[in-house]
Amino acid sequence: MFIKIIFSYLLGFLKISVEGYYIERFINICKNKKITIWNLKRNSNISLMLNVRINEFREVCKIAKKTGCKLRIKNKKGLPFLLHKYKKRKIFLILLLLVVLIIGLSSMFVWNVDISVEDNQEILNIRNDLENAGLKTGVLKSKIDTKEIINKIRLEREDVAWMGIELKGTNAIVKLVKADKKPEIIDENEYCNIVSNKTGIITKINVQEGTANVKVGDTIKEGDVLINGWMEGKFTGIRYVHAKGEIEAKVWYTKSKKIPYTLTETQDTGNEENKYRIKFGNFQINFPKKYSKFKIYDTIETESKIRLFSDFYLPISIVKTTYKEQEKIQKTYTIEEAKNIGIKELEDELEKEIENKDNIVNKNINTYEEEDGVQVYVTYEVLENIGTNEKIVF
């Protein structure tokens, strides 16, 4: 029925009133003759409002005469009446047709590429790789081979576990699942050593397969062999194995920073101004007053693409440039204030790097007062399981 109504708008339709004592009979005859009527509204027992197509109006008049009902045309709607109304306004009609033509041609291209990664993760430079693979704004939809683009991206990038591309309107929707980077796994049948991946002091060692190469209290550095991938027996001699075991060590995380006594900071004043420009592809129209009146400012630029429907974008966008006024303020710290600032900043940075904060066993803080500031060093001692498999090459 909805398709019929849309078709009726293109052909033109009339809104009419029907009055008479045999309205039900009038409606039944119309339905039996398969005449399209819609938006029926009853005003009273003998009065009815409805819509009917232009080409079926003559037949409706015959039915009304047959049932003794009176008809009145209340309104005329549809494309034919619209064109008749503006037939003397040739420029308007030409512009209307031009707009329709532009929209029709635009629908053949992709004007927006929407990229979403599962769990809001980030995949660096994925948009550039998509453009190099052939998916970018301004490309004909008929020239986009989604399977080929997906295969190219999957072959070039190890951080993409799954990818899907859907073309809707003038919008290309790209959905991605990021792959977790996993360490190289050596087959259980391969011979391997366990080597250190960090510098530290051994606190615990438990060998399940292989021969320990270190003992508790030893200082080790990255790359040192912790468990050898071989075992020696009195009667069997040396036999190679896939080394297994758990090694715990005390490792150190250190950061340093200098905090000056006098620091110039930039902060927002709260004043801002907005300027706009229109983009047609690579062509731009700048409105007056391109430059900001502020002496010091931060610039934020946002681009809004124009769309007719949810997935029908046009090759037109409005770029909003916001200038936020800033001012420079000079701050002076005492020695203690500088120390506290440095310690707090370094502690925050270190705790972001340490996966399990419960394993922190000690914290060392050293500060050195200098002429123009304080040099701060913060070191965390952490108990961690270390060691990674390394294949034995003969």
Protein backbone atom coordinates (compact mmCIF):
# COMPACT_ATOMS: atom_id res chain seq x y z
CA MET A 1 0.00 0.00 0.00
CA PHE A 2 2.86 2.39 0.85
CA ILE A 3 4.40 1.93 -2.62
CA LYS A 4 1.01 2.67 -4.17
CA ILE A 5 0.73 5.92 -2.19
CA ILE A 6 4.22 7.04 -3.29
CA PHE A 7 3.30 6.22 -6.88
CA SER A 8 0.09 8.20 -6.42
CA TYR A 9 2.10 11.25 -5.33
CA LEU A 10 4.15 11.05 -8.52
CA LEU A 11 1.00 10.79 -10.65
CA GLY A 12 -0.97 13.30 -8.55
CA PHE A 13 -3.99 12.82 -6.28
CA LEU A 14 -7.05 14.66 -5.00
CA LYS A 15 -8.35 15.11 -1.48
CA ILE A 16 -12.16 14.92 -1.74
CA SER A 17 -15.21 14.95 0.52
CA VAL A 18 -18.11 12.52 0.02
CA GLU A 19 -21.60 13.19 1.41
CA GLY A 20 -24.62 10.90 1.26
CA TYR A 21 -26.64 8.23 3.00
CA TYR A 22 -24.92 5.35 1.20
CA ILE A 23 -21.27 6.03 2.05
CA GLU A 24 -20.58 2.38 3.01
CA ARG A 25 -21.89 1.22 -0.37
CA PHE A 26 -19.73 3.87 -2.07
CA ILE A 27 -16.58 2.56 -0.29
CA ASN A 28 -17.41 -1.11 -1.03
CA ILE A 29 -17.88 -0.43 -4.76
CA CYS A 30 -14.56 1.45 -4.88
CA LYS A 31 -12.77 -1.49 -3.23
CA ASN A 32 -14.46 -4.03 -5.54
CA LYS A 33 -13.26 -2.03 -8.55
CA LYS A 34 -9.75 -1.92 -6.95
CA ILE A 35 -9.67 1.87 -6.83
CA THR A 36 -6.86 3.15 -4.58
CA ILE A 37 -8.30 5.23 -1.74
CA TRP A 38 -6.53 6.15 1.51
CA ASN A 39 -6.61 8.52 4.51
CA LEU A 40 -10.32 7.86 5.09
CA LYS A 41 -11.69 10.18 7.80
CA ARG A 42 -15.35 10.14 8.78
CA ASN A 43 -16.77 13.51 9.82
CA SER A 44 -20.31 12.23 10.46
CA ASN A 45 -22.64 9.41 9.47
CA ILE A 46 -23.15 10.97 6.05
CA SER A 47 -19.77 12.73 5.49
CA LEU A 48 -16.35 11.30 4.61
CA MET A 49 -12.90 12.62 3.58
CA LEU A 50 -10.49 10.56 1.47
CA ASN A 51 -7.69 10.68 -1.12
CA VAL A 52 -7.95 9.34 -4.65
CA ARG A 53 -5.68 9.32 -7.72
CA ILE A 54 -6.28 11.75 -10.60
CA ASN A 55 -6.62 8.99 -13.19
CA GLU A 56 -9.27 7.23 -11.07
CA PHE A 57 -11.28 10.33 -10.18
CA ARG A 58 -13.65 9.98 -13.18
CA GLU A 59 -14.55 6.44 -12.12
CA VAL A 60 -15.09 7.63 -8.53
CA CYS A 61 -17.53 10.29 -9.85
CA LYS A 62 -19.57 7.56 -11.60
CA ILE A 63 -19.74 5.53 -8.38
CA ALA A 64 -20.81 8.62 -6.41
CA LYS A 65 -23.61 9.31 -8.93
CA LYS A 66 -24.69 5.66 -8.76
CA THR A 67 -24.88 5.74 -4.92
CA GLY A 68 -26.45 9.19 -4.72
CA CYS A 69 -23.44 10.82 -3.04
CA LYS A 70 -22.03 14.31 -3.59
CA LEU A 71 -18.31 14.93 -4.23
CA ARG A 72 -16.25 18.03 -3.56
CA ILE A 73 -12.53 18.53 -4.33
CA LYS A 74 -10.84 19.93 -1.23
CA ASN A 75 -7.19 19.90 -2.31
CA LYS A 76 -4.89 18.93 -5.17
CA LYS A 77 -1.53 17.35 -4.40
CA GLY A 78 1.34 15.60 -6.12
CA LEU A 79 4.15 16.21 -8.60
CA PRO A 80 1.97 17.23 -11.60
CA PHE A 81 0.33 20.06 -9.60
CA LEU A 82 3.71 21.15 -8.22
CA LEU A 83 5.18 21.38 -11.72
CA HIS A 84 2.12 23.25 -12.97
CA LYS A 85 2.45 25.73 -10.09
CA TYR A 86 6.07 26.55 -10.95
CA LYS A 87 5.91 26.22 -14.74
CA LYS A 88 6.35 29.99 -15.16
CA ARG A 89 9.34 30.02 -12.82
CA LYS A 90 11.80 28.49 -15.23
CA ILE A 91 14.93 29.33 -13.22
CA PHE A 92 13.51 27.67 -10.12
CA LEU A 93 12.55 24.60 -12.15
CA ILE A 94 15.99 24.39 -13.76
CA LEU A 95 17.69 24.69 -10.36
CA LEU A 96 15.35 22.04 -8.94
CA LEU A 97 16.19 19.66 -11.78
CA LEU A 98 19.89 20.46 -11.38
CA VAL A 99 19.77 19.64 -7.66
CA VAL A 100 17.96 16.36 -8.39
CA LEU A 101 20.58 15.53 -11.03
CA ILE A 102 23.48 16.31 -8.66
CA ILE A 103 21.94 14.18 -5.91
CA GLY A 104 21.39 11.37 -8.40
CA LEU A 105 25.00 11.50 -9.58
CA SER A 106 26.32 11.81 -6.02
CA SER A 107 24.58 8.57 -5.07
CA MET A 108 27.01 6.71 -7.35
CA PHE A 109 30.03 7.69 -5.22
CA VAL A 110 31.29 7.16 -1.67
CA TRP A 111 31.40 10.45 0.24
CA ASN A 112 32.05 9.18 3.76
CA VAL A 113 34.10 6.34 5.25
CA ASP A 114 32.92 5.42 8.74
CA ILE A 115 35.50 3.31 10.65
CA SER A 116 34.61 1.58 13.93
CA VAL A 117 36.80 -0.79 15.95
CA GLU A 118 35.34 -3.23 18.47
CA ASP A 119 35.53 -2.06 22.12
CA ASN A 120 36.58 1.43 20.89
CA GLN A 121 40.17 0.28 20.43
CA GLU A 122 42.58 2.15 18.17
CA ILE A 123 44.27 0.79 15.06
CA LEU A 124 46.95 3.24 13.93
CA ASN A 125 47.02 4.50 10.31
CA ILE A 126 44.13 2.24 9.28
CA ARG A 127 42.44 5.08 7.33
CA ASN A 128 45.61 5.66 5.26
CA ASP A 129 45.85 1.93 4.52
CA LEU A 130 42.20 1.85 3.43
CA GLU A 131 42.79 4.79 1.08
CA ASN A 132 45.86 3.05 -0.41
CA ALA A 133 43.75 -0.09 -0.87
CA GLY A 134 41.14 1.91 -2.83
CA LEU A 135 38.50 2.84 -0.25
CA LYS A 136 38.30 6.64 0.03
CA THR A 137 35.86 9.49 -0.49
CA GLY A 138 35.09 10.37 -4.10
CA VAL A 139 35.47 6.82 -5.45
CA LEU A 140 32.76 5.25 -7.62
CA LYS A 141 30.93 2.53 -5.68
CA SER A 142 31.03 0.29 -8.75
CA LYS A 143 34.86 0.33 -8.64
CA ILE A 144 35.06 -0.76 -4.99
CA ASP A 145 35.83 -4.46 -4.55
CA THR A 146 35.23 -5.00 -0.82
CA LYS A 147 36.69 -8.53 -0.79
CA GLU A 148 39.91 -7.37 -2.46
CA ILE A 149 40.28 -4.44 -0.01
CA ILE A 150 39.71 -6.74 2.99
CA ASN A 151 42.30 -9.22 1.70
CA LYS A 152 44.88 -6.44 1.16
CA ILE A 153 44.43 -5.05 4.67
CA ARG A 154 44.54 -8.50 6.30
CA LEU A 155 47.74 -9.38 4.43
CA GLU A 156 49.49 -6.09 5.24
CA ARG A 157 48.48 -5.80 8.90
CA GLU A 158 48.92 -8.28 11.72
CA ASP A 159 46.83 -6.22 14.15
CA VAL A 160 43.52 -6.84 12.31
CA ALA A 161 41.74 -10.05 13.35
CA TRP A 162 38.50 -9.44 11.38
CA MET A 163 37.23 -6.83 8.95
CA GLY A 164 33.94 -6.11 7.21
CA ILE A 165 32.88 -3.43 4.69
CA GLU A 166 29.29 -2.43 3.92
CA LEU A 167 28.23 0.17 1.34
CA LYS A 168 25.00 1.94 2.35
CA GLY A 169 23.90 4.95 0.35
CA THR A 170 27.02 7.09 -0.09
CA ASN A 171 28.50 5.79 3.17
CA ALA A 172 31.13 3.05 3.48
CA ILE A 173 30.88 1.38 6.90
CA VAL A 174 34.11 -0.35 7.95
CA LYS A 175 34.01 -2.60 11.03
CA LEU A 176 37.21 -3.99 12.55
CA VAL A 177 38.27 -6.33 15.33
CA LYS A 178 41.78 -5.71 16.64
CA ALA A 179 44.07 -8.73 17.00
CA ASP A 180 45.90 -9.24 20.27
CA LYS A 181 49.64 -9.40 19.78
CA LYS A 182 50.71 -12.77 21.17
CA PRO A 183 54.24 -13.93 21.87
CA GLU A 184 55.75 -16.48 19.56
CA ILE A 185 54.77 -19.95 20.75
CA ILE A 186 57.34 -22.69 20.33
CA ASP A 187 55.95 -26.16 19.73
CA GLU A 188 56.19 -28.57 22.70
CA ASN A 189 58.26 -30.92 20.54
CA GLU A 190 60.89 -28.23 19.81
CA TYR A 191 63.98 -27.91 21.98
CA CYS A 192 64.27 -24.54 23.72
CA ASN A 193 65.90 -22.63 26.58
CA ILE A 194 64.18 -20.15 28.88
CA VAL A 195 65.97 -16.77 28.71
CA SER A 196 65.49 -13.58 30.71
CA ASN A 197 63.44 -10.77 29.18
CA LYS A 198 64.31 -8.29 31.97
CA THR A 199 67.16 -7.21 34.24
CA GLY A 200 66.82 -8.12 37.93
CA ILE A 201 67.75 -10.37 40.87
CA ILE A 202 66.42 -13.94 41.07
CA THR A 203 64.13 -14.46 44.09
CA LYS A 204 62.58 -17.84 43.25
CA ILE A 205 63.19 -20.58 40.69
CA ASN A 206 61.18 -23.73 39.99
CA VAL A 207 62.51 -25.99 37.21
CA GLN A 208 60.00 -28.45 35.75
CA GLU A 209 61.99 -29.53 32.67
CA GLY A 210 65.60 -28.71 31.83
CA THR A 211 68.61 -27.60 33.89
CA ALA A 212 68.75 -24.42 35.99
CA ASN A 213 71.46 -22.03 34.87
CA VAL A 214 70.95 -19.54 37.73
CA LYS A 215 70.22 -19.65 41.44
CA VAL A 216 68.37 -17.44 43.93
CA GLY A 217 70.28 -14.21 44.52
CA ASP A 218 71.92 -14.09 41.08
CA THR A 219 71.79 -10.82 39.18
CA ILE A 220 70.65 -11.37 35.59
CA LYS A 221 70.25 -9.14 32.58
CA GLU A 222 68.05 -9.36 29.49
CA GLY A 223 69.06 -12.28 27.26
CA ASP A 224 70.71 -14.43 29.97
CA VAL A 225 69.80 -18.14 29.94
CA LEU A 226 67.77 -19.03 33.04
CA ILE A 227 66.92 -22.68 32.32
CA ASN A 228 68.90 -24.72 29.79
CA GLY A 229 66.96 -26.86 27.38
CA TRP A 230 68.96 -29.98 28.13
CA MET A 231 69.40 -32.53 30.91
CA GLU A 232 72.41 -34.69 31.70
CA GLY A 233 72.20 -38.15 33.23
CA LYS A 234 74.96 -40.44 34.49
CA PHE A 235 74.03 -43.19 32.07
CA THR A 236 71.98 -41.33 29.43
CA GLY A 237 74.37 -38.46 28.81
CA ILE A 238 73.02 -35.15 27.51
CA ARG A 239 69.50 -35.11 26.07
CA TYR A 240 67.72 -31.99 24.83
CA VAL A 241 64.27 -30.99 26.08
CA HIS A 242 61.67 -28.25 25.87
CA ALA A 243 62.61 -26.22 28.97
CA LYS A 244 59.81 -25.49 31.44
CA GLY A 245 59.74 -23.67 34.75
CA GLU A 246 58.82 -20.57 36.73
CA ILE A 247 61.34 -17.86 37.57
CA GLU A 248 60.56 -14.93 39.83
CA ALA A 249 62.85 -11.92 40.03
CA LYS A 250 63.00 -8.50 41.58
CA VAL A 251 63.05 -5.95 38.75
CA TRP A 252 63.28 -2.16 38.75
CA TYR A 253 61.25 0.56 37.08
CA THR A 254 62.97 3.96 37.16
CA LYS A 255 61.96 7.38 35.88
CA SER A 256 63.41 10.85 36.35
CA LYS A 257 62.27 14.39 35.74
CA LYS A 258 63.49 17.92 36.41
CA ILE A 259 60.99 20.38 37.92
CA PRO A 260 62.07 24.04 37.52
CA TYR A 261 61.38 26.50 40.32
CA THR A 262 59.90 28.96 37.85
CA LEU A 263 57.51 27.60 35.20
CA THR A 264 55.53 29.38 32.50
CA GLU A 265 52.17 27.67 31.87
CA THR A 266 49.55 28.29 29.21
CA GLN A 267 45.91 28.21 30.24
CA ASP A 268 42.53 29.04 28.66
CA THR A 269 40.88 32.37 29.47
CA GLY A 270 37.38 31.11 28.59
CA ASN A 271 37.04 33.42 25.57
CA GLU A 272 36.57 31.82 22.15
CA GLU A 273 35.40 32.58 18.63
CA ASN A 274 34.14 30.39 15.81
CA LYS A 275 34.76 30.66 12.08
CA TYR A 276 33.32 28.55 9.30
CA ARG A 277 34.14 27.44 5.79
CA ILE A 278 32.43 25.19 3.24
CA LYS A 279 34.22 22.33 1.50
CA PHE A 280 33.22 20.89 -1.88
CA GLY A 281 35.66 17.99 -2.16
CA ASN A 282 39.08 19.68 -2.31
CA PHE A 283 37.59 23.11 -3.07
CA GLN A 284 36.99 25.43 -0.09
CA ILE A 285 35.09 28.66 0.46
CA ASN A 286 36.33 30.71 3.42
CA PHE A 287 34.04 33.19 5.08
CA PRO A 288 35.38 36.65 6.06
CA LYS A 289 37.74 37.16 9.01
CA LYS A 290 39.83 34.08 8.47
CA TYR A 291 42.35 34.86 11.21
CA SER A 292 41.67 35.06 14.94
CA LYS A 293 41.73 38.36 16.84
CA PHE A 294 43.46 36.63 19.80
CA LYS A 295 47.24 36.94 20.19
CA ILE A 296 47.66 33.51 21.82
CA TYR A 297 45.14 30.79 21.09
CA ASP A 298 44.53 27.08 20.64
CA THR A 299 42.79 25.90 17.47
CA ILE A 300 40.19 23.12 17.34
CA GLU A 301 38.79 22.12 13.96
CA THR A 302 35.69 19.96 13.43
CA GLU A 303 34.21 18.90 10.10
CA SER A 304 30.52 18.05 9.68
CA LYS A 305 29.51 16.31 6.48
CA ILE A 306 26.09 17.16 5.07
CA ARG A 307 23.75 14.22 4.59
CA LEU A 308 20.16 13.88 3.44
CA PHE A 309 19.47 10.61 5.26
CA SER A 310 21.35 8.48 7.79
CA ASP A 311 23.68 6.93 5.17
CA PHE A 312 23.31 9.35 2.25
CA TYR A 313 26.19 11.83 2.47
CA LEU A 314 26.82 14.65 -0.01
CA PRO A 315 30.29 15.84 -1.17
CA ILE A 316 29.76 18.97 0.91
CA SER A 317 30.90 19.63 4.45
CA ILE A 318 30.98 22.54 6.88
CA VAL A 319 34.27 23.06 8.73
CA LYS A 320 34.05 24.82 12.07
CA THR A 321 37.27 26.31 13.47
CA THR A 322 37.18 27.25 17.14
CA TYR A 323 39.85 29.61 18.47
CA LYS A 324 40.27 29.40 22.26
CA GLU A 325 42.11 32.35 23.77
CA GLN A 326 45.02 31.50 26.04
CA GLU A 327 47.34 33.39 28.33
CA LYS A 328 50.77 32.63 29.75
CA ILE A 329 51.05 32.56 33.53
CA GLN A 330 54.32 32.31 35.41
CA LYS A 331 54.32 30.06 38.46
CA THR A 332 56.99 29.92 41.14
CA TYR A 333 57.48 26.84 43.34
CA THR A 334 59.37 26.33 46.57
CA ILE A 335 61.86 23.46 46.80
CA GLU A 336 59.34 21.24 48.60
CA GLU A 337 56.55 22.05 46.14
CA ALA A 338 58.83 21.19 43.18
CA LYS A 339 59.82 17.89 44.82
CA ASN A 340 56.19 16.91 45.52
CA ILE A 341 55.11 17.77 41.96
CA GLY A 342 57.93 15.70 40.45
CA ILE A 343 57.33 12.70 42.75
CA LYS A 344 53.57 12.69 42.05
CA GLU A 345 54.02 12.91 38.24
CA LEU A 346 56.65 10.14 38.18
CA GLU A 347 54.61 7.85 40.44
CA ASP A 348 51.58 8.21 38.15
CA GLU A 349 53.70 7.41 35.07
CA LEU A 350 55.32 4.35 36.69
CA GLU A 351 52.06 2.90 38.00
CA LYS A 352 50.64 2.98 34.47
CA GLU A 353 53.50 0.74 33.30
CA ILE A 354 53.30 -1.81 36.15
CA GLU A 355 50.59 -4.42 35.49
CA ASN A 356 50.16 -5.68 39.07
CA LYS A 357 50.63 -2.94 41.67
CA ASP A 358 50.31 -5.50 44.51
CA ASN A 359 53.73 -6.87 43.54
CA ILE A 360 55.50 -3.58 44.35
CA VAL A 361 57.84 -4.38 47.26
CA ASN A 362 59.77 -1.14 47.61
CA LYS A 363 59.90 2.45 46.41
CA ASN A 364 63.04 4.62 46.34
CA ILE A 365 62.89 8.39 45.90
CA ASN A 366 65.96 10.56 45.38
CA THR A 367 65.95 14.32 44.84
CA TYR A 368 68.82 16.65 43.98
CA GLU A 369 68.51 20.39 44.43
CA GLU A 370 70.01 22.43 41.63
CA GLU A 371 70.25 26.15 40.96
CA ASP A 372 67.21 26.35 38.68
CA GLY A 373 65.17 23.36 39.85
CA VAL A 374 64.93 19.94 41.48
CA GLN A 375 65.98 16.70 39.76
CA VAL A 376 63.69 13.87 40.94
CA TYR A 377 64.30 10.10 40.58
CA VAL A 378 61.67 7.49 41.51
CA THR A 379 62.40 3.74 41.43
CA TYR A 380 59.92 0.92 42.08
CA GLU A 381 61.13 -2.59 43.01
CA VAL A 382 58.64 -5.15 41.73
CA LEU A 383 58.42 -8.96 41.97
CA GLU A 384 57.61 -10.38 38.53
CA ASN A 385 57.64 -13.69 36.70
CA ILE A 386 60.24 -13.37 33.97
CA GLY A 387 61.56 -15.54 31.16
CA THR A 388 60.58 -16.39 27.62
CA ASN A 389 61.22 -19.43 25.41
CA GLU A 390 64.06 -19.32 22.91
CA LYS A 391 64.45 -22.08 20.35
CA ILE A 392 67.74 -24.01 20.39
CA VAL A 393 69.44 -23.82 17.00
CA PHE A 394 72.00 -26.54 16.28
